[in-house]
C-alpha cells in the first residue's frame, strides 16, 4: 500500500507542480481533494482521512513556500515592516486551525473545505478585481485578517495566499507586495499548521504506518519530489497557453469537486 501511495503521489505532485507554475494556484486546492479520494481506496480509516490530507498538504507546502518566499525576498517584493507583524498572528492562527480540525468531524471538515473552495473558485472564475484607491486599515485590522487567514488556511491545508492576496490587494497594496507578504506568511502557515497536525495526531490510533501525527510521509515524499520538478515547466508553458481560459476551466472543475465532496 505504501508503494502504491508513493507512486500515486508522485503523479499527483507532477500535476500540482505543473498547475501551480502554469496558473499560480495553491497546491492545497489539488492535493487535499486528491488525498481524500485516494487514501480510503487504500484502506486508510475514514475518520482520519481528512486531517491526514490537510496535514500532509501543509507539510508539502513548507518546502514550496520557503523557496518562493526566498525568491520574493531577493526581488524585494516583501515589505518586511508590514509582513513581520502579520506573520506572528498568521502562525498562531495556523496552529489553532490544526487543533480546531482535530475537534471537528470528517464531514464537518469536508463541508468547510468544499464551501471555501466554492467561494475561492467563484472568485477565480469571475476574476474579481477592484480598481478603487483605498488606504491600508489599521495594524490591528491587518493582524486580525492574518489571524483569520491562518485559521482558515490551516483548516484548508493550504498556504493562505488565495485569501491574503485578494484581501491586501483590496486595501490598495501593490499586487507584488501582496503576493510577497502572502508568500512569507504562507511559510509560517504551513510550518505551524504542520506542527499542529503532528501534535494532534500523535495520540490517534487509527493512523496508517509511516505517519508522523497527521502527516502521511509516503504521500508527502511523493508530492514533494515531482511538484518541485514540474513547477518550472508550468511556468515555461504559462507564456504559451491561454492561462486565463484555463484558470476559469479549472475554477469550474474545483466547484464540481467541492460539490461532490459535500454530497459524499
C-alpha atoms as a PDB file:
ATOM      1  CA  UNK A   1       0.000   0.000   0.000  1.00  0.00           C
ATOM      2  CA  UNK A   2       2.825   2.376   0.862  1.00  0.00           C
ATOM      3  CA  UNK A   3       4.419   1.871  -2.558  1.00  0.00           C
ATOM      4  CA  UNK A   4       1.090   2.492  -4.334  1.00  0.00           C
ATOM      5  CA  UNK A   5       0.555   5.700  -2.320  1.00  0.00           C
ATOM      6  CA  UNK A   6       4.083   6.857  -3.092  1.00  0.00           C
ATOM      7  CA  UNK A   7       3.696   6.299  -6.844  1.00  0.00           C
ATOM      8  CA  UNK A   8       0.226   7.857  -6.876  1.00  0.00           C
ATOM      9  CA  UNK A   9       1.521  10.941  -5.070  1.00  0.00           C
ATOM     10  CA  UNK A  10       4.441  11.296  -7.465  1.00  0.00           C
ATOM     11  CA  UNK A  11       1.831  11.551 -10.239  1.00  0.00           C
ATOM     12  CA  UNK A  12      -0.263  13.898  -8.075  1.00  0.00           C
ATOM     13  CA  UNK A  13       2.746  16.083  -7.302  1.00  0.00           C
ATOM     14  CA  UNK A  14       3.533  16.372 -11.003  1.00  0.00           C
ATOM     15  CA  UNK A  15       0.032  17.718 -11.663  1.00  0.00           C
ATOM     16  CA  UNK A  16       0.229  20.032  -8.635  1.00  0.00           C
ATOM     17  CA  UNK A  17       3.628  21.425  -9.626  1.00  0.00           C
ATOM     18  CA  UNK A  18       2.667  21.974 -13.251  1.00  0.00           C
ATOM     19  CA  UNK A  19      -0.639  23.697 -12.445  1.00  0.00           C
ATOM     20  CA  UNK A  20       0.973  25.796  -9.714  1.00  0.00           C
ATOM     21  CA  UNK A  21       3.561  27.054 -12.181  1.00  0.00           C
ATOM     22  CA  UNK A  22       1.037  27.478 -15.004  1.00  0.00           C
ATOM     23  CA  UNK A  23      -1.915  29.020 -13.165  1.00  0.00           C
ATOM     24  CA  UNK A  24      -0.327  30.355  -9.975  1.00  0.00           C
ATOM     25  CA  UNK A  25      -2.723  28.376  -7.782  1.00  0.00           C
ATOM     26  CA  UNK A  26      -2.005  26.841  -4.390  1.00  0.00           C
ATOM     27  CA  UNK A  27      -1.240  23.141  -4.280  1.00  0.00           C
ATOM     28  CA  UNK A  28      -3.579  22.501  -1.354  1.00  0.00           C
ATOM     29  CA  UNK A  29      -6.620  23.027  -3.573  1.00  0.00           C
ATOM     30  CA  UNK A  30      -5.496  19.961  -5.554  1.00  0.00           C
ATOM     31  CA  UNK A  31      -3.633  17.824  -3.004  1.00  0.00           C
ATOM     32  CA  UNK A  32      -6.382  17.746  -0.356  1.00  0.00           C
ATOM     33  CA  UNK A  33      -9.274  16.534  -2.596  1.00  0.00           C
ATOM     34  CA  UNK A  34      -6.940  14.032  -4.311  1.00  0.00           C
ATOM     35  CA  UNK A  35      -5.805  12.514  -0.999  1.00  0.00           C
ATOM     36  CA  UNK A  36      -9.373  12.499   0.317  1.00  0.00           C
ATOM     37  CA  UNK A  37     -10.269  10.322  -2.685  1.00  0.00           C
ATOM     38  CA  UNK A  38      -7.065   8.235  -2.758  1.00  0.00           C
ATOM     39  CA  UNK A  39      -6.487   7.277   0.880  1.00  0.00           C
ATOM     40  CA  UNK A  40      -9.812   5.458   1.514  1.00  0.00           C
ATOM     41  CA  UNK A  41      -9.212   3.376  -1.639  1.00  0.00           C
ATOM     42  CA  UNK A  42      -6.031   2.129   0.013  1.00  0.00           C
ATOM     43  CA  UNK A  43      -7.671   1.118   3.278  1.00  0.00           C
ATOM     44  CA  UNK A  44      -6.981   4.206   5.401  1.00  0.00           C
ATOM     45  CA  UNK A  45      -9.591   4.665   8.128  1.00  0.00           C
ATOM     46  CA  UNK A  46     -12.232   7.174   7.017  1.00  0.00           C
ATOM     47  CA  UNK A  47     -12.132   9.008  10.357  1.00  0.00           C
ATOM     48  CA  UNK A  48      -8.542  10.176   9.809  1.00  0.00           C
ATOM     49  CA  UNK A  49      -8.556  10.729   6.038  1.00  0.00           C
ATOM     50  CA  UNK A  50      -9.423  14.433   6.102  1.00  0.00           C
ATOM     51  CA  UNK A  51      -6.910  15.548   8.786  1.00  0.00           C
ATOM     52  CA  UNK A  52      -4.263  13.346   7.103  1.00  0.00           C
ATOM     53  CA  UNK A  53      -4.908  15.087   3.793  1.00  0.00           C
ATOM     54  CA  UNK A  54      -4.758  18.542   5.397  1.00  0.00           C
ATOM     55  CA  UNK A  55      -1.608  17.868   7.430  1.00  0.00           C
ATOM     56  CA  UNK A  56       0.225  16.236   4.521  1.00  0.00           C
ATOM     57  CA  UNK A  57      -0.703  19.100   2.200  1.00  0.00           C
ATOM     58  CA  UNK A  58       0.627  21.696   4.655  1.00  0.00           C
ATOM     59  CA  UNK A  59       3.861  19.769   5.163  1.00  0.00           C
ATOM     60  CA  UNK A  60       4.455  19.754   1.399  1.00  0.00           C
ATOM     61  CA  UNK A  61       3.779  23.496   1.250  1.00  0.00           C
ATOM     62  CA  UNK A  62       6.587  24.178   3.771  1.00  0.00           C
ATOM     63  CA  UNK A  63       9.121  23.316   1.067  1.00  0.00           C
ATOM     64  CA  UNK A  64       7.462  25.100  -1.853  1.00  0.00           C
ATOM     65  CA  UNK A  65       6.570  28.241   0.123  1.00  0.00           C
ATOM     66  CA  UNK A  66      10.092  28.574   1.515  1.00  0.00           C
ATOM     67  CA  UNK A  67      11.691  28.599  -1.933  1.00  0.00           C
ATOM     68  CA  UNK A  68       9.046  31.018  -3.240  1.00  0.00           C
ATOM     69  CA  UNK A  69       9.491  33.353  -0.252  1.00  0.00           C
ATOM     70  CA  UNK A  70      13.257  33.392  -0.782  1.00  0.00           C
ATOM     71  CA  UNK A  71      12.765  34.333  -4.432  1.00  0.00           C
ATOM     72  CA  UNK A  72      10.364  37.160  -3.481  1.00  0.00           C
ATOM     73  CA  UNK A  73      12.824  38.410  -0.858  1.00  0.00           C
ATOM     74  CA  UNK A  74      15.628  38.554  -3.427  1.00  0.00           C
ATOM     75  CA  UNK A  75      13.358  40.551  -5.745  1.00  0.00           C
ATOM     76  CA  UNK A  76      12.431  42.995  -2.938  1.00  0.00           C
ATOM     77  CA  UNK A  77       8.758  42.005  -3.137  1.00  0.00           C
ATOM     78  CA  UNK A  78       8.294  41.643   0.626  1.00  0.00           C
ATOM     79  CA  UNK A  79       7.889  44.863   2.652  1.00  0.00           C
ATOM     80  CA  UNK A  80       9.134  43.333   5.910  1.00  0.00           C
ATOM     81  CA  UNK A  81       7.952  46.229   8.073  1.00  0.00           C
ATOM     82  CA  UNK A  82       4.389  45.191   7.149  1.00  0.00           C
ATOM     83  CA  UNK A  83       4.972  41.441   6.867  1.00  0.00           C
ATOM     84  CA  UNK A  84       6.589  40.761  10.257  1.00  0.00           C
ATOM     85  CA  UNK A  85       3.617  41.791  12.464  1.00  0.00           C
ATOM     86  CA  UNK A  86       1.283  39.725  10.274  1.00  0.00           C
ATOM     87  CA  UNK A  87       3.484  36.624  10.286  1.00  0.00           C
ATOM     88  CA  UNK A  88       3.224  36.114  14.052  1.00  0.00           C
ATOM     89  CA  UNK A  89      -0.582  36.244  14.019  1.00  0.00           C
ATOM     90  CA  UNK A  90      -0.898  34.020  10.956  1.00  0.00           C
ATOM     91  CA  UNK A  91       1.319  31.424  12.669  1.00  0.00           C
ATOM     92  CA  UNK A  92      -0.860  31.451  15.797  1.00  0.00           C
ATOM     93  CA  UNK A  93      -3.966  31.130  13.624  1.00  0.00           C
ATOM     94  CA  UNK A  94      -2.473  28.178  11.711  1.00  0.00           C
ATOM     95  CA  UNK A  95      -1.636  26.352  14.944  1.00  0.00           C
ATOM     96  CA  UNK A  96      -5.144  26.975  16.258  1.00  0.00           C
ATOM     97  CA  UNK A  97      -6.609  25.739  12.975  1.00  0.00           C
ATOM     98  CA  UNK A  98      -4.944  22.347  13.389  1.00  0.00           C
ATOM     99  CA  UNK A  99      -6.437  21.910  16.873  1.00  0.00           C
ATOM    100  CA  UNK A 100      -9.853  23.014  15.588  1.00  0.00           C
ATOM    101  CA  UNK A 101      -9.575  20.453  12.770  1.00  0.00           C
ATOM    102  CA  UNK A 102      -8.811  17.693  15.277  1.00  0.00           C
ATOM    103  CA  UNK A 103     -12.011  18.537  17.162  1.00  0.00           C
ATOM    104  CA  UNK A 104     -14.243  18.540  14.057  1.00  0.00           C
ATOM    105  CA  UNK A 105     -15.804  15.513  12.389  1.00  0.00           C
ATOM    106  CA  UNK A 106     -14.652  14.335   8.967  1.00  0.00           C
ATOM    107  CA  UNK A 107     -17.893  15.504   7.368  1.00  0.00           C
ATOM    108  CA  UNK A 108     -17.636  18.929   9.018  1.00  0.00           C
ATOM    109  CA  UNK A 109     -14.085  19.326   7.677  1.00  0.00           C
ATOM    110  CA  UNK A 110     -15.171  18.223   4.206  1.00  0.00           C
ATOM    111  CA  UNK A 111     -18.094  20.641   4.207  1.00  0.00           C
ATOM    112  CA  UNK A 112     -15.928  23.537   5.385  1.00  0.00           C
ATOM    113  CA  UNK A 113     -13.221  22.771   2.824  1.00  0.00           C
ATOM    114  CA  UNK A 114     -15.714  22.410  -0.014  1.00  0.00           C
ATOM    115  CA  UNK A 115     -17.592  25.600   0.911  1.00  0.00           C
ATOM    116  CA  UNK A 116     -14.433  27.729   0.955  1.00  0.00           C
ATOM    117  CA  UNK A 117     -13.235  26.117  -2.289  1.00  0.00           C
ATOM    118  CA  UNK A 118     -16.516  27.110  -3.962  1.00  0.00           C
ATOM    119  CA  UNK A 119     -16.037  30.710  -2.795  1.00  0.00           C
ATOM    120  CA  UNK A 120     -12.402  30.840  -3.952  1.00  0.00           C
ATOM    121  CA  UNK A 121     -13.216  29.171  -7.277  1.00  0.00           C
ATOM    122  CA  UNK A 122     -16.068  31.598  -7.880  1.00  0.00           C
ATOM    123  CA  UNK A 123     -13.701  34.493  -7.208  1.00  0.00           C
ATOM    124  CA  UNK A 124     -11.207  32.940  -9.637  1.00  0.00           C
ATOM    125  CA  UNK A 125     -13.936  32.328 -12.212  1.00  0.00           C
ATOM    126  CA  UNK A 126     -15.248  35.890 -12.140  1.00  0.00           C
ATOM    127  CA  UNK A 127     -11.742  37.395 -11.913  1.00  0.00           C
ATOM    128  CA  UNK A 128     -12.995  39.908  -9.376  1.00  0.00           C
ATOM    129  CA  UNK A 129     -10.787  42.954  -9.024  1.00  0.00           C
ATOM    130  CA  UNK A 130     -11.138  46.390  -7.511  1.00  0.00           C
ATOM    131  CA  UNK A 131      -9.700  49.498  -9.078  1.00  0.00           C
ATOM    132  CA  UNK A 132     -10.568  51.898  -6.272  1.00  0.00           C
ATOM    133  CA  UNK A 133      -7.801  53.535  -4.290  1.00  0.00           C
ATOM    134  CA  UNK A 134      -8.027  52.620  -0.611  1.00  0.00           C
ATOM    135  CA  UNK A 135      -5.785  53.241   2.357  1.00  0.00           C
ATOM    136  CA  UNK A 136      -4.454  50.326   4.350  1.00  0.00           C
ATOM    137  CA  UNK A 137      -6.512  49.747   7.517  1.00  0.00           C
ATOM    138  CA  UNK A 138      -5.009  49.907  10.994  1.00  0.00           C
ATOM    139  CA  UNK A 139      -2.319  47.474  12.082  1.00  0.00           C
ATOM    140  CA  UNK A 140      -4.842  45.776  14.375  1.00  0.00           C
ATOM    141  CA  UNK A 141      -7.248  45.114  11.480  1.00  0.00           C
ATOM    142  CA  UNK A 142      -4.445  43.708   9.315  1.00  0.00           C
ATOM    143  CA  UNK A 143      -3.356  41.428  12.164  1.00  0.00           C
ATOM    144  CA  UNK A 144      -6.948  40.266  12.593  1.00  0.00           C
ATOM    145  CA  UNK A 145      -7.132  39.430   8.889  1.00  0.00           C
ATOM    146  CA  UNK A 146      -3.860  37.498   9.066  1.00  0.00           C
ATOM    147  CA  UNK A 147      -5.016  35.581  12.175  1.00  0.00           C
ATOM    148  CA  UNK A 148      -8.254  34.520  10.469  1.00  0.00           C
ATOM    149  CA  UNK A 149      -6.286  33.645   7.333  1.00  0.00           C
ATOM    150  CA  UNK A 150      -4.049  31.359   9.397  1.00  0.00           C
ATOM    151  CA  UNK A 151      -7.029  29.511  10.890  1.00  0.00           C
ATOM    152  CA  UNK A 152      -8.869  29.125   7.574  1.00  0.00           C
ATOM    153  CA  UNK A 153      -5.729  28.145   5.643  1.00  0.00           C
ATOM    154  CA  UNK A 154      -4.820  25.518   8.240  1.00  0.00           C
ATOM    155  CA  UNK A 155      -8.340  24.077   8.040  1.00  0.00           C
ATOM    156  CA  UNK A 156      -7.965  24.040   4.243  1.00  0.00           C
ATOM    157  CA  UNK A 157      -4.465  22.547   4.050  1.00  0.00           C
ATOM    158  CA  UNK A 158      -3.169  25.476   2.012  1.00  0.00           C
ATOM    159  CA  UNK A 159      -0.763  28.395   2.410  1.00  0.00           C
ATOM    160  CA  UNK A 160      -3.428  31.099   2.543  1.00  0.00           C
ATOM    161  CA  UNK A 161      -2.350  33.184  -0.448  1.00  0.00           C
ATOM    162  CA  UNK A 162      -5.762  32.717  -2.069  1.00  0.00           C
ATOM    163  CA  UNK A 163      -7.233  34.611   0.902  1.00  0.00           C
ATOM    164  CA  UNK A 164      -4.491  37.071   1.835  1.00  0.00           C
ATOM    165  CA  UNK A 165      -3.596  38.324  -1.662  1.00  0.00           C
ATOM    166  CA  UNK A 166      -7.158  39.460  -2.565  1.00  0.00           C
ATOM    167  CA  UNK A 167      -7.603  40.951   0.928  1.00  0.00           C
ATOM    168  CA  UNK A 168      -4.396  43.010   0.810  1.00  0.00           C
ATOM    169  CA  UNK A 169      -4.980  43.987  -2.816  1.00  0.00           C
ATOM    170  CA  UNK A 170      -8.495  45.157  -1.921  1.00  0.00           C
ATOM    171  CA  UNK A 171      -6.980  47.644   0.523  1.00  0.00           C
ATOM    172  CA  UNK A 172      -4.768  49.104  -2.187  1.00  0.00           C
ATOM    173  CA  UNK A 173      -1.480  47.286  -1.576  1.00  0.00           C
ATOM    174  CA  UNK A 174       0.514  46.748  -4.815  1.00  0.00           C
ATOM    175  CA  UNK A 175      -0.019  43.240  -6.152  1.00  0.00           C
ATOM    176  CA  UNK A 176       3.644  42.218  -5.993  1.00  0.00           C
ATOM    177  CA  UNK A 177       3.810  43.275  -2.333  1.00  0.00           C
ATOM    178  CA  UNK A 178       0.542  41.458  -1.583  1.00  0.00           C
ATOM    179  CA  UNK A 179       1.930  38.276  -3.137  1.00  0.00           C
ATOM    180  CA  UNK A 180       5.266  38.713  -1.367  1.00  0.00           C
ATOM    181  CA  UNK A 181       3.656  39.138   2.068  1.00  0.00           C
ATOM    182  CA  UNK A 182       1.261  36.248   1.410  1.00  0.00           C
ATOM    183  CA  UNK A 183       4.179  34.008   0.434  1.00  0.00           C
ATOM    184  CA  UNK A 184       6.157  34.896   3.570  1.00  0.00           C
ATOM    185  CA  UNK A 185       3.072  34.308   5.720  1.00  0.00           C
ATOM    186  CA  UNK A 186       2.444  31.063   3.827  1.00  0.00           C
ATOM    187  CA  UNK A 187       5.721  29.624   5.115  1.00  0.00           C
ATOM    188  CA  UNK A 188       4.558  30.092   8.711  1.00  0.00           C
ATOM    189  CA  UNK A 189       1.035  28.855   7.954  1.00  0.00           C
ATOM    190  CA  UNK A 190       2.488  25.639   6.555  1.00  0.00           C
ATOM    191  CA  UNK A 191       5.132  25.269   9.277  1.00  0.00           C
ATOM    192  CA  UNK A 192       2.940  25.919  12.318  1.00  0.00           C
ATOM    193  CA  UNK A 193      -0.070  24.213  10.737  1.00  0.00           C
ATOM    194  CA  UNK A 194       2.041  21.096  10.120  1.00  0.00           C
ATOM    195  CA  UNK A 195       3.310  21.227  13.702  1.00  0.00           C
ATOM    196  CA  UNK A 196      -0.260  21.396  14.960  1.00  0.00           C
ATOM    197  CA  UNK A 197      -1.317  18.418  12.849  1.00  0.00           C
ATOM    198  CA  UNK A 198       1.682  16.433  14.112  1.00  0.00           C
ATOM    199  CA  UNK A 199       0.842  17.186  17.767  1.00  0.00           C
ATOM    200  CA  UNK A 200      -2.885  16.470  17.459  1.00  0.00           C
ATOM    201  CA  UNK A 201      -2.301  13.250  15.522  1.00  0.00           C
ATOM    202  CA  UNK A 202       0.248  11.661  17.851  1.00  0.00           C
ATOM    203  CA  UNK A 203      -2.451  10.196  20.093  1.00  0.00           C
ATOM    204  CA  UNK A 204      -4.551   8.893  17.169  1.00  0.00           C
ATOM    205  CA  UNK A 205      -4.588   5.074  16.928  1.00  0.00           C
ATOM    206  CA  UNK A 206      -6.283   4.764  13.515  1.00  0.00           C
ATOM    207  CA  UNK A 207      -3.411   6.263  11.510  1.00  0.00           C
ATOM    208  CA  UNK A 208      -1.630   4.134   8.871  1.00  0.00           C
ATOM    209  CA  UNK A 209       2.023   3.139   9.211  1.00  0.00           C
ATOM    210  CA  UNK A 210       4.628   5.763   8.325  1.00  0.00           C
ATOM    211  CA  UNK A 211       2.524   8.591   9.678  1.00  0.00           C
ATOM    212  CA  UNK A 212       4.004  11.391  11.757  1.00  0.00           C
ATOM    213  CA  UNK A 213       0.901  12.584  13.536  1.00  0.00           C
ATOM    214  CA  UNK A 214      -1.498  13.601  10.777  1.00  0.00           C
ATOM    215  CA  UNK A 215       1.269  13.766   8.170  1.00  0.00           C
ATOM    216  CA  UNK A 216       1.485  10.718   5.894  1.00  0.00           C
ATOM    217  CA  UNK A 217       5.153  10.524   4.957  1.00  0.00           C
ATOM    218  CA  UNK A 218       4.934   8.369   1.747  1.00  0.00           C
ATOM    219  CA  UNK A 219       2.390  10.798   0.268  1.00  0.00           C
ATOM    220  CA  UNK A 220       4.440  13.804   1.388  1.00  0.00           C
ATOM    221  CA  UNK A 221       7.636  12.497  -0.207  1.00  0.00           C
ATOM    222  CA  UNK A 222       5.908  11.667  -3.489  1.00  0.00           C
ATOM    223  CA  UNK A 223       4.280  15.096  -3.797  1.00  0.00           C
ATOM    224  CA  UNK A 224       7.469  16.996  -2.937  1.00  0.00           C
ATOM    225  CA  UNK A 225       9.679  15.090  -5.396  1.00  0.00           C
ATOM    226  CA  UNK A 226       7.591  15.630  -8.517  1.00  0.00           C
ATOM    227  CA  UNK A 227       5.985  19.005  -7.766  1.00  0.00           C
ATOM    228  CA  UNK A 228       9.367  20.700  -7.410  1.00  0.00           C
ATOM    229  CA  UNK A 229      10.450  19.259 -10.766  1.00  0.00           C
ATOM    230  CA  UNK A 230       7.292  20.153 -12.740  1.00  0.00           C
ATOM    231  CA  UNK A 231       6.660  23.688 -11.412  1.00  0.00           C
ATOM    232  CA  UNK A 232       9.316  25.276 -13.691  1.00  0.00           C
ATOM    233  CA  UNK A 233       7.717  23.523 -16.673  1.00  0.00           C
ATOM    234  CA  UNK A 234       4.350  25.047 -15.787  1.00  0.00           C
ATOM    235  CA  UNK A 235       5.958  28.488 -15.624  1.00  0.00           C
ATOM    236  CA  UNK A 236       7.523  27.894 -19.050  1.00  0.00           C
ATOM    237  CA  UNK A 237       4.159  26.994 -20.616  1.00  0.00           C
ATOM    238  CA  UNK A 238       2.407  29.949 -18.968  1.00  0.00           C
ATOM    239  CA  UNK A 239       3.540  32.201 -21.806  1.00  0.00           C
ATOM    240  CA  UNK A 240       2.378  29.749 -24.485  1.00  0.00           C
ATOM    241  CA  UNK A 241      -1.063  28.634 -23.275  1.00  0.00           C
ATOM    242  CA  UNK A 242      -4.312  30.608 -22.744  1.00  0.00           C
ATOM    243  CA  UNK A 243      -3.840  30.841 -18.977  1.00  0.00           C
ATOM    244  CA  UNK A 244      -6.937  32.957 -18.276  1.00  0.00           C
ATOM    245  CA  UNK A 245      -9.199  30.475 -20.058  1.00  0.00           C
ATOM    246  CA  UNK A 246      -7.510  27.509 -18.361  1.00  0.00           C
ATOM    247  CA  UNK A 247      -7.864  29.204 -14.994  1.00  0.00           C
ATOM    248  CA  UNK A 248     -11.602  29.637 -15.478  1.00  0.00           C
ATOM    249  CA  UNK A 249     -11.960  26.000 -16.577  1.00  0.00           C
ATOM    250  CA  UNK A 250     -10.004  24.901 -13.521  1.00  0.00           C
ATOM    251  CA  UNK A 251     -12.253  27.026 -11.303  1.00  0.00           C
ATOM    252  CA  UNK A 252     -15.331  25.265 -12.715  1.00  0.00           C
ATOM    253  CA  UNK A 253     -13.620  21.914 -12.091  1.00  0.00           C
ATOM    254  CA  UNK A 254     -12.912  22.897  -8.461  1.00  0.00           C
ATOM    255  CA  UNK A 255     -16.562  23.809  -7.922  1.00  0.00           C
ATOM    256  CA  UNK A 256     -17.669  20.367  -9.146  1.00  0.00           C
ATOM    257  CA  UNK A 257     -15.075  18.662  -6.933  1.00  0.00           C
ATOM    258  CA  UNK A 258     -16.259  20.656  -3.924  1.00  0.00           C
ATOM    259  CA  UNK A 259     -19.915  19.819  -4.574  1.00  0.00           C
ATOM    260  CA  UNK A 260     -19.003  16.122  -4.865  1.00  0.00           C
ATOM    261  CA  UNK A 261     -17.148  16.288  -1.521  1.00  0.00           C
ATOM    262  CA  UNK A 262     -20.206  17.749   0.195  1.00  0.00           C
ATOM    263  CA  UNK A 263     -22.515  15.189  -1.431  1.00  0.00           C
ATOM    264  CA  UNK A 264     -20.314  12.264  -0.401  1.00  0.00           C
END
